[in-house]
């Protein structure tokens, strides 16, 4: 395994609750190195972080590792199976803007 993938594996396994589910796929093309990361669905929040800050930090560190080896390194975090549901119904606690406006009598 290359240094960039080893580094990513070390960092990610240190953050997640399911280190056995961490999978990294490394591909190289004319654009540089692409590391594709798969984690357990329950660990996505830990990898992304609040406002995406953890993912941003990992990407910055990978670029630094890449510069040391004269390579451009990019990170792609794959959506897990059964991940984000875009067509899921709103939860019972969520109200629409219209409902809130009506509640406030605006």
PDB file of N, CA and C in Angstrom:
ATOM      1  N   UNK A   1       0.857  -1.183   0.000  1.00  0.00           N
ATOM      2  CA  UNK A   1       0.000   0.000   0.000  1.00  0.00           C
ATOM      3  C   UNK A   1       0.900   1.243   0.000  1.00  0.00           C
ATOM      4  N   UNK A   2       0.511   2.243  -0.776  1.00  0.00           N
ATOM      5  CA  UNK A   2       1.280   3.477  -0.865  1.00  0.00           C
ATOM      6  C   UNK A   2       1.121   4.304   0.403  1.00  0.00           C
ATOM      7  N   UNK A   3       2.048   5.236   0.606  1.00  0.00           N
ATOM      8  CA  UNK A   3       2.058   6.060   1.824  1.00  0.00           C
ATOM      9  C   UNK A   3       0.762   6.847   2.018  1.00  0.00           C
ATOM     10  N   UNK A   4       0.213   7.419   0.918  1.00  0.00           N
ATOM     11  CA  UNK A   4      -1.007   8.219   1.063  1.00  0.00           C
ATOM     12  C   UNK A   4      -2.180   7.353   1.533  1.00  0.00           C
ATOM     13  N   UNK A   5      -2.325   6.168   0.989  1.00  0.00           N
ATOM     14  CA  UNK A   5      -3.411   5.267   1.389  1.00  0.00           C
ATOM     15  C   UNK A   5      -3.187   4.755   2.816  1.00  0.00           C
ATOM     16  N   UNK A   6      -1.932   4.473   3.173  1.00  0.00           N
ATOM     17  CA  UNK A   6      -1.620   4.035   4.546  1.00  0.00           C
ATOM     18  C   UNK A   6      -1.987   5.126   5.534  1.00  0.00           C
ATOM     19  N   UNK A   7      -1.623   6.361   5.199  1.00  0.00           N
ATOM     20  CA  UNK A   7      -1.923   7.495   6.069  1.00  0.00           C
ATOM     21  C   UNK A   7      -3.435   7.642   6.264  1.00  0.00           C
ATOM     22  N   UNK A   8      -4.185   7.601   5.157  1.00  0.00           N
ATOM     23  CA  UNK A   8      -5.641   7.730   5.229  1.00  0.00           C
ATOM     24  C   UNK A   8      -6.243   6.614   6.071  1.00  0.00           C
ATOM     25  N   UNK A   9      -5.783   5.382   5.847  1.00  0.00           N
ATOM     26  CA  UNK A   9      -6.301   4.252   6.615  1.00  0.00           C
ATOM     27  C   UNK A   9      -6.053   4.442   8.109  1.00  0.00           C
ATOM     28  N   UNK A  10      -4.865   4.892   8.462  1.00  0.00           N
ATOM     29  CA  UNK A  10      -4.521   5.117   9.867  1.00  0.00           C
ATOM     30  C   UNK A  10      -5.455   6.154  10.500  1.00  0.00           C
ATOM     31  N   UNK A  11      -5.644   7.281   9.813  1.00  0.00           N
ATOM     32  CA  UNK A  11      -6.479   8.363  10.336  1.00  0.00           C
ATOM     33  C   UNK A  11      -7.931   7.912  10.457  1.00  0.00           C
ATOM     34  N   UNK A  12      -8.472   7.328   9.396  1.00  0.00           N
ATOM     35  CA  UNK A  12      -9.882   6.943   9.385  1.00  0.00           C
ATOM     36  C   UNK A  12     -10.167   5.870  10.433  1.00  0.00           C
ATOM     37  N   UNK A  13      -9.318   4.855  10.510  1.00  0.00           N
ATOM     38  CA  UNK A  13      -9.546   3.788  11.496  1.00  0.00           C
ATOM     39  C   UNK A  13      -9.478   4.317  12.916  1.00  0.00           C
ATOM     40  N   UNK A  14      -8.733   5.393  13.138  1.00  0.00           N
ATOM     41  CA  UNK A  14      -8.678   6.022  14.455  1.00  0.00           C
ATOM     42  C   UNK A  14      -9.933   6.801  14.802  1.00  0.00           C
ATOM     43  N   UNK A  15     -10.736   7.166  13.805  1.00  0.00           N
ATOM     44  CA  UNK A  15     -11.937   7.965  14.029  1.00  0.00           C
ATOM     45  C   UNK A  15     -13.222   7.157  14.151  1.00  0.00           C
ATOM     46  N   UNK A  16     -13.286   6.011  13.491  1.00  0.00           N
ATOM     47  CA  UNK A  16     -14.555   5.288  13.352  1.00  0.00           C
ATOM     48  C   UNK A  16     -14.782   4.239  14.446  1.00  0.00           C
ATOM     49  N   UNK A  17     -16.038   3.819  14.569  1.00  0.00           N
ATOM     50  CA  UNK A  17     -16.411   2.752  15.505  1.00  0.00           C
ATOM     51  C   UNK A  17     -16.303   1.379  14.865  1.00  0.00           C
ATOM     52  N   UNK A  18     -16.270   1.330  13.521  1.00  0.00           N
ATOM     53  CA  UNK A  18     -16.222   0.063  12.787  1.00  0.00           C
ATOM     54  C   UNK A  18     -14.994   0.042  11.864  1.00  0.00           C
ATOM     55  N   UNK A  19     -13.781  -0.046  12.447  1.00  0.00           N
ATOM     56  CA  UNK A  19     -12.572   0.001  11.607  1.00  0.00           C
ATOM     57  C   UNK A  19     -12.474  -1.158  10.618  1.00  0.00           C
ATOM     58  N   UNK A  20     -13.136  -2.268  10.924  1.00  0.00           N
ATOM     59  CA  UNK A  20     -13.080  -3.423  10.017  1.00  0.00           C
ATOM     60  C   UNK A  20     -13.824  -3.147   8.715  1.00  0.00           C
ATOM     61  N   UNK A  21     -14.702  -2.143   8.702  1.00  0.00           N
ATOM     62  CA  UNK A  21     -15.488  -1.829   7.504  1.00  0.00           C
ATOM     63  C   UNK A  21     -14.800  -0.793   6.596  1.00  0.00           C
ATOM     64  N   UNK A  22     -13.657  -0.274   7.030  1.00  0.00           N
ATOM     65  CA  UNK A  22     -12.948   0.748   6.242  1.00  0.00           C
ATOM     66  C   UNK A  22     -12.302   0.093   5.027  1.00  0.00           C
ATOM     67  N   UNK A  23     -12.610   0.629   3.851  1.00  0.00           N
ATOM     68  CA  UNK A  23     -12.001   0.141   2.607  1.00  0.00           C
ATOM     69  C   UNK A  23     -11.515   1.340   1.810  1.00  0.00           C
ATOM     70  N   UNK A  24     -10.292   1.246   1.312  1.00  0.00           N
ATOM     71  CA  UNK A  24      -9.709   2.319   0.519  1.00  0.00           C
ATOM     72  C   UNK A  24      -9.285   1.753  -0.822  1.00  0.00           C
ATOM     73  N   UNK A  25      -9.735   2.405  -1.891  1.00  0.00           N
ATOM     74  CA  UNK A  25      -9.354   2.017  -3.238  1.00  0.00           C
ATOM     75  C   UNK A  25      -8.493   3.141  -3.808  1.00  0.00           C
ATOM     76  N   UNK A  26      -7.308   2.808  -4.288  1.00  0.00           N
ATOM     77  CA  UNK A  26      -6.367   3.811  -4.807  1.00  0.00           C
ATOM     78  C   UNK A  26      -6.217   3.632  -6.311  1.00  0.00           C
ATOM     79  N   UNK A  27      -6.499   4.712  -7.054  1.00  0.00           N
ATOM     80  CA  UNK A  27      -6.300   4.684  -8.492  1.00  0.00           C
ATOM     81  C   UNK A  27      -5.426   5.866  -8.891  1.00  0.00           C
ATOM     82  N   UNK A  28      -4.640   5.658  -9.931  1.00  0.00           N
ATOM     83  CA  UNK A  28      -3.744   6.698 -10.428  1.00  0.00           C
ATOM     84  C   UNK A  28      -4.050   6.920 -11.902  1.00  0.00           C
ATOM     85  N   UNK A  29      -4.194   8.187 -12.290  1.00  0.00           N
ATOM     86  CA  UNK A  29      -4.366   8.530 -13.704  1.00  0.00           C
ATOM     87  C   UNK A  29      -3.637   9.842 -13.976  1.00  0.00           C
ATOM     88  N   UNK A  30      -3.906  10.449 -15.142  1.00  0.00           N
ATOM     89  CA  UNK A  30      -3.195  11.674 -15.502  1.00  0.00           C
ATOM     90  C   UNK A  30      -3.523  12.841 -14.571  1.00  0.00           C
ATOM     91  N   UNK A  31      -4.638  12.751 -13.836  1.00  0.00           N
ATOM     92  CA  UNK A  31      -5.030  13.807 -12.893  1.00  0.00           C
ATOM     93  C   UNK A  31      -4.331  13.650 -11.540  1.00  0.00           C
ATOM     94  N   UNK A  32      -3.746  12.512 -11.287  1.00  0.00           N
ATOM     95  CA  UNK A  32      -3.082  12.272 -10.010  1.00  0.00           C
ATOM     96  C   UNK A  32      -3.621  11.018  -9.347  1.00  0.00           C
ATOM     97  N   UNK A  33      -3.614  11.028  -8.027  1.00  0.00           N
ATOM     98  CA  UNK A  33      -4.042   9.881  -7.229  1.00  0.00           C
ATOM     99  C   UNK A  33      -5.448  10.152  -6.709  1.00  0.00           C
ATOM    100  N   UNK A  34      -6.319   9.159  -6.826  1.00  0.00           N
ATOM    101  CA  UNK A  34      -7.656   9.251  -6.255  1.00  0.00           C
ATOM    102  C   UNK A  34      -7.809   8.150  -5.225  1.00  0.00           C
ATOM    103  N   UNK A  35      -8.094   8.556  -3.991  1.00  0.00           N
ATOM    104  CA  UNK A  35      -8.374   7.598  -2.921  1.00  0.00           C
ATOM    105  C   UNK A  35      -9.879   7.599  -2.697  1.00  0.00           C
ATOM    106  N   UNK A  36     -10.514   6.454  -2.894  1.00  0.00           N
ATOM    107  CA  UNK A  36     -11.955   6.309  -2.665  1.00  0.00           C
ATOM    108  C   UNK A  36     -12.139   5.594  -1.334  1.00  0.00           C
ATOM    109  N   UNK A  37     -12.917   6.205  -0.471  1.00  0.00           N
ATOM    110  CA  UNK A  37     -13.090   5.699   0.888  1.00  0.00           C
ATOM    111  C   UNK A  37     -14.505   5.170   1.094  1.00  0.00           C
ATOM    112  N   UNK A  38     -14.594   3.958   1.624  1.00  0.00           N
ATOM    113  CA  UNK A  38     -15.870   3.371   2.028  1.00  0.00           C
ATOM    114  C   UNK A  38     -15.798   3.097   3.524  1.00  0.00           C
ATOM    115  N   UNK A  39     -16.847   3.507   4.251  1.00  0.00           N
ATOM    116  CA  UNK A  39     -16.922   3.238   5.690  1.00  0.00           C
ATOM    117  C   UNK A  39     -18.309   2.714   6.023  1.00  0.00           C
ATOM    118  N   UNK A  40     -18.465   2.202   7.233  1.00  0.00           N
ATOM    119  CA  UNK A  40     -19.754   1.734   7.731  1.00  0.00           C
ATOM    120  C   UNK A  40     -20.713   2.935   7.762  1.00  0.00           C
ATOM    121  N   UNK A  41     -21.985   2.728   7.395  1.00  0.00           N
ATOM    122  CA  UNK A  41     -22.939   3.851   7.380  1.00  0.00           C
ATOM    123  C   UNK A  41     -23.011   4.631   8.694  1.00  0.00           C
ATOM    124  N   UNK A  42     -22.870   3.947   9.822  1.00  0.00           N
ATOM    125  CA  UNK A  42     -22.938   4.636  11.121  1.00  0.00           C
ATOM    126  C   UNK A  42     -21.749   5.560  11.343  1.00  0.00           C
ATOM    127  N   UNK A  43     -20.661   5.370  10.592  1.00  0.00           N
ATOM    128  CA  UNK A  43     -19.443   6.160  10.776  1.00  0.00           C
ATOM    129  C   UNK A  43     -19.349   7.370   9.845  1.00  0.00           C
ATOM    130  N   UNK A  44     -20.313   7.535   8.943  1.00  0.00           N
ATOM    131  CA  UNK A  44     -20.231   8.642   7.988  1.00  0.00           C
ATOM    132  C   UNK A  44     -20.129   9.995   8.672  1.00  0.00           C
ATOM    133  N   UNK A  45     -20.897  10.203   9.714  1.00  0.00           N
ATOM    134  CA  UNK A  45     -20.872  11.488  10.425  1.00  0.00           C
ATOM    135  C   UNK A  45     -19.506  11.796  11.010  1.00  0.00           C
ATOM    136  N   UNK A  46     -18.832  10.772  11.513  1.00  0.00           N
ATOM    137  CA  UNK A  46     -17.498  10.972  12.090  1.00  0.00           C
ATOM    138  C   UNK A  46     -16.483  11.341  11.015  1.00  0.00           C
ATOM    139  N   UNK A  47     -16.643  10.777   9.813  1.00  0.00           N
ATOM    140  CA  UNK A  47     -15.711  11.030   8.718  1.00  0.00           C
ATOM    141  C   UNK A  47     -15.952  12.406   8.101  1.00  0.00           C
ATOM    142  N   UNK A  48     -17.212  12.778   7.943  1.00  0.00           N
ATOM    143  CA  UNK A  48     -17.544  14.073   7.355  1.00  0.00           C
ATOM    144  C   UNK A  48     -17.277  15.191   8.362  1.00  0.00           C
ATOM    145  N   UNK A  49     -17.722  15.010   9.583  1.00  0.00           N
ATOM    146  CA  UNK A  49     -17.524  16.026  10.622  1.00  0.00           C
ATOM    147  C   UNK A  49     -18.534  17.147  10.517  1.00  0.00           C
ATOM    148  N   UNK A  50     -18.563  17.973  11.542  1.00  0.00           N
ATOM    149  CA  UNK A  50     -19.485  19.107  11.566  1.00  0.00           C
ATOM    150  C   UNK A  50     -19.130  20.061  10.435  1.00  0.00           C
ATOM    151  N   UNK A  51     -20.089  20.387   9.605  1.00  0.00           N
ATOM    152  CA  UNK A  51     -19.916  21.263   8.428  1.00  0.00           C
ATOM    153  C   UNK A  51     -18.852  20.747   7.471  1.00  0.00           C
ATOM    154  N   UNK A  52     -18.578  19.456   7.520  1.00  0.00           N
ATOM    155  CA  UNK A  52     -17.598  18.876   6.609  1.00  0.00           C
ATOM    156  C   UNK A  52     -16.155  19.145   6.993  1.00  0.00           C
ATOM    157  N   UNK A  53     -15.931  19.624   8.200  1.00  0.00           N
ATOM    158  CA  UNK A  53     -14.580  20.027   8.599  1.00  0.00           C
ATOM    159  C   UNK A  53     -13.597  18.872   8.704  1.00  0.00           C
ATOM    160  N   UNK A  54     -14.043  17.709   9.163  1.00  0.00           N
ATOM    161  CA  UNK A  54     -13.130  16.566   9.272  1.00  0.00           C
ATOM    162  C   UNK A  54     -12.693  16.111   7.884  1.00  0.00           C
ATOM    163  N   UNK A  55     -13.635  16.026   6.955  1.00  0.00           N
ATOM    164  CA  UNK A  55     -13.315  15.629   5.580  1.00  0.00           C
ATOM    165  C   UNK A  55     -12.361  16.648   4.947  1.00  0.00           C
ATOM    166  N   UNK A  56     -12.614  17.940   5.171  1.00  0.00           N
ATOM    167  CA  UNK A  56     -11.734  18.992   4.632  1.00  0.00           C
ATOM    168  C   UNK A  56     -10.317  18.839   5.169  1.00  0.00           C
ATOM    169  N   UNK A  57     -10.215  18.601   6.467  1.00  0.00           N
ATOM    170  CA  UNK A  57      -8.901  18.453   7.091  1.00  0.00           C
ATOM    171  C   UNK A  57      -8.152  17.251   6.525  1.00  0.00           C
ATOM    172  N   UNK A  58      -8.862  16.134   6.331  1.00  0.00           N
ATOM    173  CA  UNK A  58      -8.215  14.949   5.752  1.00  0.00           C
ATOM    174  C   UNK A  58      -7.732  15.241   4.336  1.00  0.00           C
ATOM    175  N   UNK A  59      -8.537  15.972   3.563  1.00  0.00           N
ATOM    176  CA  UNK A  59      -8.143  16.306   2.184  1.00  0.00           C
ATOM    177  C   UNK A  59      -6.897  17.194   2.169  1.00  0.00           C
ATOM    178  N   UNK A  60      -6.843  18.156   3.081  1.00  0.00           N
ATOM    179  CA  UNK A  60      -5.668  19.037   3.163  1.00  0.00           C
ATOM    180  C   UNK A  60      -4.425  18.230   3.516  1.00  0.00           C
ATOM    181  N   UNK A  61      -4.544  17.366   4.520  1.00  0.00           N
ATOM    182  CA  UNK A  61      -3.399  16.553   4.931  1.00  0.00           C
ATOM    183  C   UNK A  61      -2.954  15.610   3.813  1.00  0.00           C
ATOM    184  N   UNK A  62      -3.910  15.056   3.068  1.00  0.00           N
ATOM    185  CA  UNK A  62      -3.549  14.175   1.951  1.00  0.00           C
ATOM    186  C   UNK A  62      -2.817  14.948   0.850  1.00  0.00           C
ATOM    187  N   UNK A  63      -3.198  16.200   0.627  1.00  0.00           N
ATOM    188  CA  UNK A  63      -2.485  17.014  -0.360  1.00  0.00           C
ATOM    189  C   UNK A  63      -1.040  17.239   0.079  1.00  0.00           C
ATOM    190  N   UNK A  64      -0.854  17.460   1.385  1.00  0.00           N
ATOM    191  CA  UNK A  64       0.502  17.653   1.910  1.00  0.00           C
ATOM    192  C   UNK A  64       1.325  16.379   1.742  1.00  0.00           C
ATOM    193  N   UNK A  65       0.729  15.233   2.064  1.00  0.00           N
ATOM    194  CA  UNK A  65       1.408  13.950   1.870  1.00  0.00           C
ATOM    195  C   UNK A  65       1.742  13.768   0.390  1.00  0.00           C
ATOM    196  N   UNK A  66       0.808  14.121  -0.470  1.00  0.00           N
ATOM    197  CA  UNK A  66       1.029  14.010  -1.909  1.00  0.00           C
ATOM    198  C   UNK A  66       2.148  14.916  -2.400  1.00  0.00           C
ATOM    199  N   UNK A  67       2.194  16.162  -1.905  1.00  0.00           N
ATOM    200  CA  UNK A  67       3.250  17.091  -2.314  1.00  0.00           C
ATOM    201  C   UNK A  67       4.630  16.547  -1.964  1.00  0.00           C
ATOM    202  N   UNK A  68       4.714  15.889  -0.829  1.00  0.00           N
ATOM    203  CA  UNK A  68       5.979  15.302  -0.408  1.00  0.00           C
ATOM    204  C   UNK A  68       6.444  14.243  -1.408  1.00  0.00           C
ATOM    205  N   UNK A  69       5.468  13.583  -2.065  1.00  0.00           N
ATOM    206  CA  UNK A  69       5.780  12.531  -3.033  1.00  0.00           C
ATOM    207  C   UNK A  69       5.539  12.978  -4.477  1.00  0.00           C
ATOM    208  N   UNK A  70       5.448  14.297  -4.695  1.00  0.00           N
ATOM    209  CA  UNK A  70       5.220  14.870  -6.028  1.00  0.00           C
ATOM    210  C   UNK A  70       3.995  14.300  -6.722  1.00  0.00           C
ATOM    211  N   UNK A  71       2.898  14.185  -5.995  1.00  0.00           N
ATOM    212  CA  UNK A  71       1.656  13.665  -6.565  1.00  0.00           C
ATOM    213  C   UNK A  71       0.486  14.498  -6.059  1.00  0.00           C
ATOM    214  N   UNK A  72      -0.524  14.638  -6.880  1.00  0.00           N
ATOM    215  CA  UNK A  72      -1.757  15.311  -6.442  1.00  0.00           C
ATOM    216  C   UNK A  72      -2.707  14.226  -5.934  1.00  0.00           C
ATOM    217  N   UNK A  73      -3.095  14.334  -4.674  1.00  0.00           N
ATOM    218  CA  UNK A  73      -3.932  13.314  -4.051  1.00  0.00           C
ATOM    219  C   UNK A  73      -5.311  13.897  -3.758  1.00  0.00           C
ATOM    220  N   UNK A  74      -6.345  13.213  -4.219  1.00  0.00           N
ATOM    221  CA  UNK A  74      -7.728  13.613  -3.965  1.00  0.00           C
ATOM    222  C   UNK A  74      -8.440  12.504  -3.203  1.00  0.00           C
ATOM    223  N   UNK A  75      -9.420  12.910  -2.401  1.00  0.00           N
ATOM    224  CA  UNK A  75     -10.191  11.962  -1.595  1.00  0.00           C
ATOM    225  C   UNK A  75     -11.653  12.013  -2.009  1.00  0.00           C
ATOM    226  N   UNK A  76     -12.211  10.842  -2.295  1.00  0.00           N
ATOM    227  CA  UNK A  76     -13.642  10.707  -2.581  1.00  0.00           C
ATOM    228  C   UNK A  76     -14.231   9.827  -1.491  1.00  0.00           C
ATOM    229  N   UNK A  77     -15.239  10.343  -0.811  1.00  0.00           N
ATOM    230  CA  UNK A  77     -15.911   9.573   0.236  1.00  0.00           C
ATOM    231  C   UNK A  77     -17.203   9.029  -0.372  1.00  0.00           C
ATOM    232  N   UNK A  78     -17.279   7.717  -0.504  1.00  0.00           N
ATOM    233  CA  UNK A  78     -18.430   7.083  -1.143  1.00  0.00           C
ATOM    234  C   UNK A  78     -19.623   7.031  -0.197  1.00  0.00           C
ATOM    235  N   UNK A  79     -20.790   7.304  -0.737  1.00  0.00           N
ATOM    236  CA  UNK A  79     -22.048   7.198   0.017  1.00  0.00           C
ATOM    237  C   UNK A  79     -22.299   5.727   0.309  1.00  0.00           C
ATOM    238  N   UNK A  80     -22.539   5.358   1.574  1.00  0.00           N
ATOM    239  CA  UNK A  80     -22.774   3.937   1.886  1.00  0.00           C
ATOM    240  C   UNK A  80     -24.124   3.461   1.370  1.00  0.00           C
ATOM    241  N   UNK A  81     -24.246   2.140   1.197  1.00  0.00           N
ATOM    242  CA  UNK A  81     -25.531   1.546   0.817  1.00  0.00           C
ATOM    243  C   UNK A  81     -26.572   1.953   1.848  1.00  0.00           C
ATOM    244  N   UNK A  82     -27.740   2.346   1.375  1.00  0.00           N
ATOM    245  CA  UNK A  82     -28.803   2.759   2.305  1.00  0.00           C
ATOM    246  C   UNK A  82     -28.460   4.061   2.987  1.00  0.00           C
ATOM    247  N   UNK A  83     -27.663   4.894   2.325  1.00  0.00           N
ATOM    248  CA  UNK A  83     -27.252   6.181   2.892  1.00  0.00           C
ATOM    249  C   UNK A  83     -28.372   7.192   2.862  1.00  0.00           C
ATOM    250  N   UNK A  84     -28.005   8.415   2.548  1.00  0.00           N
ATOM    251  CA  UNK A  84     -28.944   9.530   2.549  1.00  0.00           C
ATOM    252  C   UNK A  84     -30.171   9.222   1.691  1.00  0.00           C
ATOM    253  N   UNK A  85     -31.338   9.442   2.247  1.00  0.00           N
ATOM    254  CA  UNK A  85     -32.577   9.217   1.511  1.00  0.00           C
ATOM    255  C   UNK A  85     -33.126  10.578   1.092  1.00  0.00           C
ATOM    256  N   UNK A  86     -33.040  10.883  -0.203  1.00  0.00           N
ATOM    257  CA  UNK A  86     -33.500  12.186  -0.667  1.00  0.00           C
ATOM    258  C   UNK A  86     -35.011  12.242  -0.774  1.00  0.00           C
ATOM    259  N   UNK A  87     -35.658  11.094  -0.970  1.00  0.00           N
ATOM    260  CA  UNK A  87     -37.107  11.089  -1.111  1.00  0.00           C
ATOM    261  C   UNK A  87     -37.802  10.578   0.152  1.00  0.00           C
ATOM    262  N   UNK A  88     -37.104  10.575   1.275  1.00  0.00           N
ATOM    263  CA  UNK A  88     -37.691  10.100   2.526  1.00  0.00           C
ATOM    264  C   UNK A  88     -38.705  11.122   3.029  1.00  0.00           C
ATOM    265  N   UNK A  89     -39.783  10.656   3.635  1.00  0.00           N
ATOM    266  CA  UNK A  89     -40.762  11.601   4.168  1.00  0.00           C
ATOM    267  C   UNK A  89     -40.161  12.376   5.342  1.00  0.00           C
ATOM    268  N   UNK A  90     -40.673  13.584   5.558  1.00  0.00           N
ATOM    269  CA  UNK A  90     -40.182  14.369   6.685  1.00  0.00           C
ATOM    270  C   UNK A  90     -40.538  13.664   7.980  1.00  0.00           C
ATOM    271  N   UNK A  91     -39.673  13.795   8.967  1.00  0.00           N
ATOM    272  CA  UNK A  91     -39.983  13.168  10.249  1.00  0.00           C
ATOM    273  C   UNK A  91     -41.143  13.917  10.892  1.00  0.00           C
ATOM    274  N   UNK A  92     -41.798  13.270  11.832  1.00  0.00           N
ATOM    275  CA  UNK A  92     -42.976  13.858  12.467  1.00  0.00           C
ATOM    276  C   UNK A  92     -42.638  15.168  13.172  1.00  0.00           C
ATOM    277  N   UNK A  93     -41.414  15.312  13.651  1.00  0.00           N
ATOM    278  CA  UNK A  93     -41.037  16.522  14.380  1.00  0.00           C
ATOM    279  C   UNK A  93     -40.712  17.688  13.449  1.00  0.00           C
ATOM    280  N   UNK A  94     -40.524  17.417  12.156  1.00  0.00           N
ATOM    281  CA  UNK A  94     -40.206  18.469  11.198  1.00  0.00           C
ATOM    282  C   UNK A  94     -41.493  19.110  10.691  1.00  0.00           C
ATOM    283  N   UNK A  95     -41.529  20.442  10.699  1.00  0.00           N
ATOM    284  CA  UNK A  95     -42.685  21.162  10.178  1.00  0.00           C
ATOM    285  C   UNK A  95     -42.255  21.919   8.940  1.00  0.00           C
ATOM    286  N   UNK A  96     -43.174  22.116   8.040  1.00  0.00           N
ATOM    287  CA  UNK A  96     -42.866  22.916   6.858  1.00  0.00           C
ATOM    288  C   UNK A  96     -42.865  24.389   7.249  1.00  0.00           C
ATOM    289  N   UNK A  97     -42.305  25.222   6.382  1.00  0.00           N
ATOM    290  CA  UNK A  97     -42.280  26.657   6.623  1.00  0.00           C
ATOM    291  C   UNK A  97     -43.710  27.182   6.758  1.00  0.00           C
ATOM    292  N   UNK A  98     -44.617  26.688   5.919  1.00  0.00           N
ATOM    293  CA  UNK A  98     -46.019  27.136   5.978  1.00  0.00           C
ATOM    294  C   UNK A  98     -46.639  26.807   7.325  1.00  0.00           C
ATOM    295  N   UNK A  99     -46.364  25.605   7.866  1.00  0.00           N
ATOM    296  CA  UNK A  99     -46.907  25.226   9.168  1.00  0.00           C
ATOM    297  C   UNK A  99     -46.393  26.143  10.264  1.00  0.00           C
ATOM    298  N   UNK A 100     -45.118  26.459  10.212  1.00  0.00           N
ATOM    299  CA  UNK A 100     -44.522  27.331  11.229  1.00  0.00           C
ATOM    300  C   UNK A 100     -45.116  28.727  11.118  1.00  0.00           C
ATOM    301  N   UNK A 101     -45.254  29.229   9.895  1.00  0.00           N
ATOM    302  CA  UNK A 101     -45.837  30.567   9.700  1.00  0.00           C
ATOM    303  C   UNK A 101     -47.257  30.606  10.249  1.00  0.00           C
ATOM    304  N   UNK A 102     -48.021  29.534  10.009  1.00  0.00           N
ATOM    305  CA  UNK A 102     -49.398  29.476  10.517  1.00  0.00           C
ATOM    306  C   UNK A 102     -49.405  29.452  12.041  1.00  0.00           C
ATOM    307  N   UNK A 103     -48.487  28.675  12.633  1.00  0.00           N
ATOM    308  CA  UNK A 103     -48.382  28.611  14.090  1.00  0.00           C
ATOM    309  C   UNK A 103     -48.075  29.979  14.678  1.00  0.00           C
ATOM    310  N   UNK A 104     -47.277  30.766  13.969  1.00  0.00           N
ATOM    311  CA  UNK A 104     -46.902  32.094  14.454  1.00  0.00           C
ATOM    312  C   UNK A 104     -47.935  33.153  14.073  1.00  0.00           C
ATOM    313  N   UNK A 105     -48.936  32.756  13.320  1.00  0.00           N
ATOM    314  CA  UNK A 105     -50.001  33.652  12.847  1.00  0.00           C
ATOM    315  C   UNK A 105     -49.430  34.802  12.028  1.00  0.00           C
ATOM    316  N   UNK A 106     -48.451  34.466  11.179  1.00  0.00           N
ATOM    317  CA  UNK A 106     -47.847  35.494  10.320  1.00  0.00           C
ATOM    318  C   UNK A 106     -48.471  35.507   8.956  1.00  0.00           C
TER     319      UNK A 106
END
